[in-house]
Amino acid sequence: MQLSCRLVATICVGGLMLAACKPSEPPPDLIKTQRETLNNAKSVGGQLENQAEEQKNAVENAEK
């Protein structure tokens, strides 16, 4: 008899604990953040390469 009462009490307490929990926010998307950072770095790298090419052309034209 005591075992069944303890079991029922445990189930009730467990149910109440689960009912009291609110859903947590989803974890941040780390891969998306890393992908955006990588794309940003590639964009900046492309801009630097373009500027270097323009400077090289300017120097070559000035030498002529």
N, C-alpha and C. Protein backbone atom coordinates (compact mmCIF):
# COMPACT_ATOMS: atom_id res chain seq x y z
N MET A 1 0.82 -1.19 0.00
CA MET A 1 0.00 0.00 0.00
C MET A 1 0.86 1.25 0.00
N GLN A 2 1.91 1.26 0.83
CA GLN A 2 2.76 2.43 0.90
C GLN A 2 3.52 2.64 -0.40
N LEU A 3 3.88 1.55 -1.06
CA LEU A 3 4.62 1.65 -2.32
C LEU A 3 3.77 2.32 -3.38
N SER A 4 2.50 1.97 -3.47
CA SER A 4 1.64 2.57 -4.49
C SER A 4 1.40 4.06 -4.18
N CYS A 5 1.30 4.41 -2.91
CA CYS A 5 1.12 5.83 -2.55
C CYS A 5 2.37 6.63 -2.91
N ARG A 6 3.52 6.04 -2.65
CA ARG A 6 4.76 6.72 -3.00
C ARG A 6 4.89 6.88 -4.51
N LEU A 7 4.49 5.85 -5.24
CA LEU A 7 4.55 5.89 -6.69
C LEU A 7 3.64 6.98 -7.23
N VAL A 8 2.43 7.04 -6.72
CA VAL A 8 1.47 8.06 -7.17
C VAL A 8 1.99 9.45 -6.82
N ALA A 9 2.53 9.61 -5.62
CA ALA A 9 3.06 10.90 -5.21
C ALA A 9 4.23 11.31 -6.09
N THR A 10 5.10 10.36 -6.41
CA THR A 10 6.25 10.64 -7.27
C THR A 10 5.79 11.05 -8.66
N ILE A 11 4.82 10.36 -9.19
CA ILE A 11 4.29 10.68 -10.52
C ILE A 11 3.65 12.07 -10.51
N CYS A 12 2.89 12.37 -9.46
CA CYS A 12 2.24 13.69 -9.38
C CYS A 12 3.28 14.81 -9.27
N VAL A 13 4.27 14.62 -8.44
CA VAL A 13 5.32 15.64 -8.29
C VAL A 13 6.07 15.80 -9.61
N GLY A 14 6.40 14.71 -10.25
CA GLY A 14 7.10 14.78 -11.54
C GLY A 14 6.26 15.49 -12.60
N GLY A 15 4.97 15.19 -12.62
CA GLY A 15 4.08 15.86 -13.57
C GLY A 15 3.99 17.35 -13.32
N LEU A 16 3.92 17.73 -12.05
CA LEU A 16 3.87 19.15 -11.72
C LEU A 16 5.17 19.86 -12.10
N MET A 17 6.29 19.18 -11.89
CA MET A 17 7.57 19.79 -12.25
C MET A 17 7.67 20.00 -13.77
N LEU A 18 7.21 19.02 -14.53
CA LEU A 18 7.24 19.15 -15.98
C LEU A 18 6.27 20.23 -16.47
N ALA A 19 5.12 20.33 -15.82
CA ALA A 19 4.14 21.33 -16.21
C ALA A 19 4.63 22.75 -15.89
N ALA A 20 5.45 22.88 -14.88
CA ALA A 20 5.94 24.20 -14.48
C ALA A 20 7.06 24.70 -15.38
N CYS A 21 7.68 23.81 -16.11
CA CYS A 21 8.79 24.23 -16.97
C CYS A 21 8.26 24.93 -18.21
N LYS A 22 8.85 26.06 -18.53
CA LYS A 22 8.48 26.74 -19.77
C LYS A 22 9.53 26.39 -20.82
N PRO A 23 9.14 26.36 -22.07
CA PRO A 23 10.10 25.97 -23.11
C PRO A 23 11.24 26.98 -23.20
N SER A 24 12.42 26.47 -23.39
CA SER A 24 13.59 27.34 -23.49
C SER A 24 13.72 27.86 -24.92
N GLU A 25 14.49 28.94 -25.06
CA GLU A 25 14.73 29.49 -26.38
C GLU A 25 15.66 28.55 -27.15
N PRO A 26 15.49 28.48 -28.46
CA PRO A 26 16.38 27.62 -29.22
C PRO A 26 17.82 28.14 -29.15
N PRO A 27 18.78 27.26 -29.23
CA PRO A 27 20.18 27.71 -29.17
C PRO A 27 20.53 28.55 -30.39
N PRO A 28 21.48 29.44 -30.26
CA PRO A 28 21.86 30.25 -31.41
C PRO A 28 22.47 29.38 -32.51
N ASP A 29 22.27 29.81 -33.72
CA ASP A 29 22.78 29.06 -34.87
C ASP A 29 24.24 29.46 -35.11
N LEU A 30 25.15 28.72 -34.51
CA LEU A 30 26.56 29.06 -34.58
C LEU A 30 27.12 28.92 -35.99
N ILE A 31 26.65 27.95 -36.72
CA ILE A 31 27.15 27.73 -38.07
C ILE A 31 26.75 28.90 -38.96
N LYS A 32 25.54 29.41 -38.79
CA LYS A 32 25.09 30.56 -39.58
C LYS A 32 25.96 31.77 -39.29
N THR A 33 26.27 32.00 -38.03
CA THR A 33 27.11 33.14 -37.64
C THR A 33 28.50 33.00 -38.25
N GLN A 34 29.06 31.81 -38.20
CA GLN A 34 30.39 31.59 -38.76
C GLN A 34 30.38 31.77 -40.28
N ARG A 35 29.32 31.30 -40.92
CA ARG A 35 29.20 31.42 -42.38
C ARG A 35 29.12 32.90 -42.78
N GLU A 36 28.33 33.69 -42.03
CA GLU A 36 28.22 35.12 -42.32
C GLU A 36 29.57 35.82 -42.14
N THR A 37 30.30 35.45 -41.09
CA THR A 37 31.61 36.05 -40.85
C THR A 37 32.58 35.69 -41.97
N LEU A 38 32.55 34.45 -42.41
CA LEU A 38 33.43 34.01 -43.50
C LEU A 38 33.09 34.76 -44.79
N ASN A 39 31.81 34.89 -45.11
CA ASN A 39 31.41 35.62 -46.31
C ASN A 39 31.84 37.07 -46.23
N ASN A 40 31.74 37.66 -45.05
CA ASN A 40 32.17 39.04 -44.87
C ASN A 40 33.68 39.17 -45.09
N ALA A 41 34.43 38.22 -44.57
CA ALA A 41 35.89 38.24 -44.75
C ALA A 41 36.26 38.07 -46.22
N LYS A 42 35.55 37.22 -46.93
CA LYS A 42 35.81 37.03 -48.36
C LYS A 42 35.53 38.32 -49.12
N SER A 43 34.47 39.01 -48.76
CA SER A 43 34.12 40.26 -49.40
C SER A 43 35.21 41.31 -49.19
N VAL A 44 35.68 41.43 -47.96
CA VAL A 44 36.75 42.38 -47.66
C VAL A 44 38.02 41.99 -48.40
N GLY A 45 38.31 40.71 -48.47
CA GLY A 45 39.50 40.24 -49.19
C GLY A 45 39.43 40.60 -50.66
N GLY A 46 38.25 40.47 -51.25
CA GLY A 46 38.07 40.84 -52.66
C GLY A 46 38.28 42.33 -52.87
N GLN A 47 37.80 43.14 -51.95
CA GLN A 47 37.98 44.58 -52.04
C GLN A 47 39.46 44.95 -51.95
N LEU A 48 40.18 44.30 -51.05
CA LEU A 48 41.61 44.57 -50.91
C LEU A 48 42.37 44.18 -52.17
N GLU A 49 42.01 43.07 -52.77
CA GLU A 49 42.67 42.64 -54.01
C GLU A 49 42.41 43.64 -55.13
N ASN A 50 41.17 44.16 -55.20
CA ASN A 50 40.84 45.16 -56.23
C ASN A 50 41.65 46.43 -56.02
N GLN A 51 41.76 46.88 -54.79
CA GLN A 51 42.53 48.09 -54.51
C GLN A 51 44.01 47.89 -54.84
N ALA A 52 44.54 46.71 -54.53
CA ALA A 52 45.95 46.44 -54.84
C ALA A 52 46.16 46.45 -56.35
N GLU A 53 45.24 45.89 -57.08
CA GLU A 53 45.34 45.86 -58.55
C GLU A 53 45.28 47.28 -59.11
N GLU A 54 44.39 48.12 -58.56
CA GLU A 54 44.28 49.51 -59.02
C GLU A 54 45.57 50.27 -58.72
N GLN A 55 46.15 50.05 -57.55
CA GLN A 55 47.41 50.73 -57.21
C GLN A 55 48.53 50.27 -58.13
N LYS A 56 48.57 49.00 -58.42
CA LYS A 56 49.60 48.46 -59.32
C LYS A 56 49.46 49.08 -60.70
N ASN A 57 48.24 49.18 -61.20
CA ASN A 57 48.00 49.78 -62.51
C ASN A 57 48.37 51.27 -62.51
N ALA A 58 48.07 51.95 -61.40
CA ALA A 58 48.39 53.38 -61.30
C ALA A 58 49.91 53.58 -61.34
N VAL A 59 50.64 52.73 -60.64
CA VAL A 59 52.10 52.83 -60.63
C VAL A 59 52.65 52.55 -62.01
N GLU A 60 52.16 51.54 -62.69
CA GLU A 60 52.63 51.20 -64.03
C GLU A 60 52.33 52.32 -65.01
N ASN A 61 51.17 52.93 -64.90
CA ASN A 61 50.81 54.04 -65.80
C ASN A 61 51.66 55.27 -65.51
N ALA A 62 52.03 55.49 -64.26
CA ALA A 62 52.84 56.65 -63.90
C ALA A 62 54.27 56.48 -64.42
N GLU A 63 54.73 55.25 -64.53
CA GLU A 63 56.09 54.99 -65.00
C GLU A 63 56.21 55.19 -66.50
N LYS A 64 55.14 55.12 -67.21
CA LYS A 64 55.17 55.23 -68.69
C LYS A 64 55.34 56.63 -69.14
